[in-house]
Amino acid sequence: MSADGWIKKGRLRKCSSED
Protein backbone atom coordinates (compact mmCIF):
# COMPACT_ATOMS: atom_id res chain seq x y z
CA MET A 1 0.00 0.00 0.00
CA SER A 2 1.60 3.23 -1.15
CA ALA A 3 0.84 6.49 0.61
CA ASP A 4 0.66 8.28 -2.73
CA GLY A 5 -1.99 5.81 -3.84
CA TRP A 6 -4.49 6.32 -1.03
CA ILE A 7 -3.60 10.01 -0.89
CA LYS A 8 -4.58 10.49 -4.54
CA LYS A 9 -7.78 8.44 -4.15
CA GLY A 10 -8.52 9.86 -0.72
CA ARG A 11 -7.99 13.42 -1.92
CA LEU A 12 -10.29 13.00 -4.91
CA ARG A 13 -12.88 11.20 -2.82
CA LYS A 14 -12.63 13.62 0.10
CA CYS A 15 -12.70 16.68 -2.16
CA SER A 16 -15.69 15.36 -4.09
CA SER A 17 -17.48 14.19 -0.95
CA GLU A 18 -16.67 17.20 1.22
CA ASP A 19 -17.16 19.75 -1.54
PDB file of N, CA and C in Angstrom:
ATOM      1  N   MET A   1       0.848  -1.211   0.000  1.00  0.00           N
ATOM      2  CA  MET A   1       0.000   0.000   0.000  1.00  0.00           C
ATOM      3  C   MET A   1       0.878   1.253   0.000  1.00  0.00           C
ATOM      4  N   SER A   2       0.774   2.007  -1.043  1.00  0.00           N
ATOM      5  CA  SER A   2       1.597   3.230  -1.147  1.00  0.00           C
ATOM      6  C   SER A   2       0.820   4.439  -0.640  1.00  0.00           C
ATOM      7  N   ALA A   3       1.497   5.297   0.077  1.00  0.00           N
ATOM      8  CA  ALA A   3       0.837   6.494   0.612  1.00  0.00           C
ATOM      9  C   ALA A   3       0.305   7.351  -0.533  1.00  0.00           C
ATOM     10  N   ASP A   4       1.084   7.458  -1.592  1.00  0.00           N
ATOM     11  CA  ASP A   4       0.662   8.279  -2.734  1.00  0.00           C
ATOM     12  C   ASP A   4      -0.623   7.734  -3.347  1.00  0.00           C
ATOM     13  N   GLY A   5      -0.786   6.433  -3.266  1.00  0.00           N
ATOM     14  CA  GLY A   5      -1.992   5.808  -3.841  1.00  0.00           C
ATOM     15  C   GLY A   5      -3.248   6.235  -3.094  1.00  0.00           C
ATOM     16  N   TRP A   6      -3.289   5.961  -1.793  1.00  0.00           N
ATOM     17  CA  TRP A   6      -4.488   6.322  -1.029  1.00  0.00           C
ATOM     18  C   TRP A   6      -4.646   7.835  -0.939  1.00  0.00           C
ATOM     19  N   ILE A   7      -3.536   8.536  -0.962  1.00  0.00           N
ATOM     20  CA  ILE A   7      -3.597  10.011  -0.895  1.00  0.00           C
ATOM     21  C   ILE A   7      -4.323  10.544  -2.132  1.00  0.00           C
ATOM     22  N   LYS A   8      -3.949  10.024  -3.287  1.00  0.00           N
ATOM     23  CA  LYS A   8      -4.582  10.485  -4.540  1.00  0.00           C
ATOM     24  C   LYS A   8      -6.064  10.118  -4.531  1.00  0.00           C
ATOM     25  N   LYS A   9      -6.381   8.875  -4.172  1.00  0.00           N
ATOM     26  CA  LYS A   9      -7.780   8.443  -4.152  1.00  0.00           C
ATOM     27  C   LYS A   9      -8.522   9.139  -3.022  1.00  0.00           C
ATOM     28  N   GLY A  10      -7.883   9.217  -1.870  1.00  0.00           N
ATOM     29  CA  GLY A  10      -8.522   9.856  -0.717  1.00  0.00           C
ATOM     30  C   GLY A  10      -8.782  11.326  -0.985  1.00  0.00           C
ATOM     31  N   ARG A  11      -7.832  11.974  -1.621  1.00  0.00           N
ATOM     32  CA  ARG A  11      -7.992  13.416  -1.919  1.00  0.00           C
ATOM     33  C   ARG A  11      -9.169  13.617  -2.867  1.00  0.00           C
ATOM     34  N   LEU A  12      -9.207  12.851  -3.934  1.00  0.00           N
ATOM     35  CA  LEU A  12     -10.286  13.002  -4.907  1.00  0.00           C
ATOM     36  C   LEU A  12     -11.630  12.678  -4.251  1.00  0.00           C
ATOM     37  N   ARG A  13     -11.637  11.614  -3.466  1.00  0.00           N
ATOM     38  CA  ARG A  13     -12.882  11.196  -2.820  1.00  0.00           C
ATOM     39  C   ARG A  13     -13.293  12.229  -1.763  1.00  0.00           C
ATOM     40  N   LYS A  14     -12.336  12.639  -0.961  1.00  0.00           N
ATOM     41  CA  LYS A  14     -12.634  13.623   0.098  1.00  0.00           C
ATOM     42  C   LYS A  14     -13.081  14.945  -0.516  1.00  0.00           C
ATOM     43  N   CYS A  15     -12.375  15.399  -1.511  1.00  0.00           N
ATOM     44  CA  CYS A  15     -12.697  16.683  -2.155  1.00  0.00           C
ATOM     45  C   CYS A  15     -14.097  16.614  -2.760  1.00  0.00           C
ATOM     46  N   SER A  16     -14.387  15.516  -3.425  1.00  0.00           N
ATOM     47  CA  SER A  16     -15.688  15.360  -4.093  1.00  0.00           C
ATOM     48  C   SER A  16     -16.790  15.189  -3.047  1.00  0.00           C
ATOM     49  N   SER A  17     -16.486  14.446  -1.992  1.00  0.00           N
ATOM     50  CA  SER A  17     -17.484  14.187  -0.949  1.00  0.00           C
ATOM     51  C   SER A  17     -17.679  15.419  -0.068  1.00  0.00           C
ATOM     52  N   GLU A  18     -16.583  16.034   0.327  1.00  0.00           N
ATOM     53  CA  GLU A  18     -16.667  17.200   1.218  1.00  0.00           C
ATOM     54  C   GLU A  18     -17.166  18.437   0.470  1.00  0.00           C
ATOM     55  N   ASP A  19     -16.743  18.577  -0.766  1.00  0.00           N
ATOM     56  CA  ASP A  19     -17.156  19.750  -1.536  1.00  0.00           C
ATOM     57  C   ASP A  19     -18.602  19.570  -1.984  1.00  0.00           C
TER      58      ASP A  19
END
